[in-house]
Protein backbone atom coordinates (compact mmCIF):
# COMPACT_ATOMS: atom_id res chain seq x y z
CA UNK A 1 -6.80 72.82 -22.02
CA UNK A 2 -5.81 69.35 -23.15
CA UNK A 3 -7.51 66.25 -21.32
CA UNK A 4 -3.30 65.67 -20.98
CA UNK A 5 -2.18 68.43 -18.91
CA UNK A 6 -4.41 69.06 -15.72
CA UNK A 7 -3.96 72.51 -14.32
CA UNK A 8 -3.44 73.22 -10.41
CA UNK A 9 -4.53 76.87 -8.68
CA UNK A 10 -1.54 78.32 -8.30
CA UNK A 11 -0.83 77.58 -12.67
CA UNK A 12 1.42 74.34 -11.83
CA UNK A 13 0.98 71.33 -14.30
CA UNK A 14 0.65 69.07 -11.74
CA UNK A 15 -0.99 66.08 -13.70
CA UNK A 16 1.34 66.07 -16.85
CA UNK A 17 0.25 62.34 -18.78
CA UNK A 18 3.44 60.31 -18.59
CA UNK A 19 2.45 57.02 -20.58
CA UNK A 20 5.98 55.79 -20.33
CA UNK A 21 6.34 55.56 -16.86
CA UNK A 22 5.81 52.86 -14.08
CA UNK A 23 4.03 53.45 -10.39
CA UNK A 24 6.16 52.39 -7.82
CA UNK A 25 5.00 52.42 -3.72
CA UNK A 26 7.45 52.84 -1.31
CA UNK A 27 6.88 52.45 3.09
CA UNK A 28 8.56 56.37 4.03
CA UNK A 29 9.09 57.33 7.29
CA UNK A 30 5.79 60.10 8.21
CA UNK A 31 8.27 62.66 9.43
CA UNK A 32 10.23 62.09 5.86
CA UNK A 33 7.60 62.78 4.16
CA UNK A 34 6.56 65.93 5.84
CA UNK A 35 10.13 67.25 5.04
CA UNK A 36 9.17 66.11 1.21
CA UNK A 37 6.53 67.71 0.60
CA UNK A 38 7.88 71.04 2.25
CA UNK A 39 10.80 70.53 -0.07
CA UNK A 40 8.42 70.14 -3.45
CA UNK A 41 6.05 73.03 -2.37
CA UNK A 42 9.76 75.75 -1.86
CA UNK A 43 10.92 74.01 -5.17
CA UNK A 44 7.47 74.60 -6.40
CA UNK A 45 7.07 70.91 -7.38
CA UNK A 46 4.58 68.17 -6.63
CA UNK A 47 6.41 65.39 -4.59
CA UNK A 48 6.27 62.99 -7.08
CA UNK A 49 8.37 65.47 -9.27
CA UNK A 50 10.31 65.91 -6.61
CA UNK A 51 11.46 62.72 -6.09
CA UNK A 52 11.54 61.72 -9.43
CA UNK A 53 14.53 64.67 -9.82
CA UNK A 54 15.98 63.81 -6.50
CA UNK A 55 16.40 60.31 -7.94
CA UNK A 56 17.59 61.45 -11.10
CA UNK A 57 20.65 63.58 -9.54
CA UNK A 58 21.36 60.64 -7.61
CA UNK A 59 21.30 57.98 -9.67
CA UNK A 60 23.01 60.09 -12.81
CA UNK A 61 22.23 60.83 -16.19
CA UNK A 62 21.22 57.68 -18.81
CA UNK A 63 23.65 56.72 -21.05
CA UNK A 64 22.11 56.50 -24.57
CA UNK A 65 23.24 53.67 -26.74
CA UNK A 66 24.29 55.18 -30.11
CA UNK A 67 22.28 53.12 -32.80
CA UNK A 68 24.53 54.64 -35.95
CA UNK A 69 27.93 55.23 -35.36
CA UNK A 70 29.22 59.14 -34.65
CA UNK A 71 31.05 60.79 -37.88
CA UNK A 72 34.37 62.56 -37.15
CA UNK A 73 35.27 65.57 -39.21
CA UNK A 74 38.14 66.69 -40.64
CA UNK A 75 40.76 64.74 -41.73
CA UNK A 76 39.62 61.48 -40.13
CA UNK A 77 36.42 62.62 -41.85
CA UNK A 78 36.85 58.47 -43.45
CA UNK A 79 37.31 56.90 -39.69
CA UNK A 80 34.08 56.06 -37.73
CA UNK A 81 34.72 57.65 -33.51
CA UNK A 82 34.85 55.30 -30.53
CA UNK A 83 31.81 54.82 -28.49
CA UNK A 84 32.60 55.71 -24.79
CA UNK A 85 33.15 52.65 -23.53
CA UNK A 86 35.45 51.67 -26.67
CA UNK A 87 37.29 54.98 -25.61
CA UNK A 88 37.75 54.12 -21.92
CA UNK A 89 38.61 50.65 -22.45
CA UNK A 90 41.93 52.01 -24.98
CA UNK A 91 42.63 54.72 -22.29
CA UNK A 92 43.17 52.43 -19.79
CA UNK A 93 44.94 50.05 -22.01
CA UNK A 94 47.58 52.59 -22.59
CA UNK A 95 47.52 54.00 -19.34
CA UNK A 96 48.87 49.98 -18.46
CA UNK A 97 51.18 50.38 -20.96
CA UNK A 98 53.05 53.51 -19.35
CA UNK A 99 52.68 52.78 -16.22
CA UNK A 100 54.39 48.86 -17.47
CA UNK A 101 57.24 50.81 -18.68
CA UNK A 102 58.09 52.90 -15.98
CA UNK A 103 56.94 56.40 -17.23
CA UNK A 104 54.91 57.04 -14.82
CA UNK A 105 55.76 60.27 -12.72
CA UNK A 106 58.30 61.45 -15.26
CA UNK A 107 58.06 64.67 -16.87
CA UNK A 108 60.28 66.48 -19.38
CA UNK A 109 61.75 69.86 -18.81
């Protein structure tokens, strides 16, 4: 077995080598720690892995920055797709224009 992985007696990988990570120390109530340990055991994870999973779930996914434009297809193949932030900004401006013109809430039959 490689030195970057340490296998626990249960067969789980518990000491995964994580070169691009940082260490954090925190204070935690003993009762909360006991509940966290029990949850990690139920989930088959180390306490550290369970905390990271819970934080990642709460904080949300990491949005990657595109380094190159996304290509479009079909009749729009020569155009560049907007970024998510550009799309949101445009959508807000279109929505504001519709509200300003009084079109909100009206539907054609």
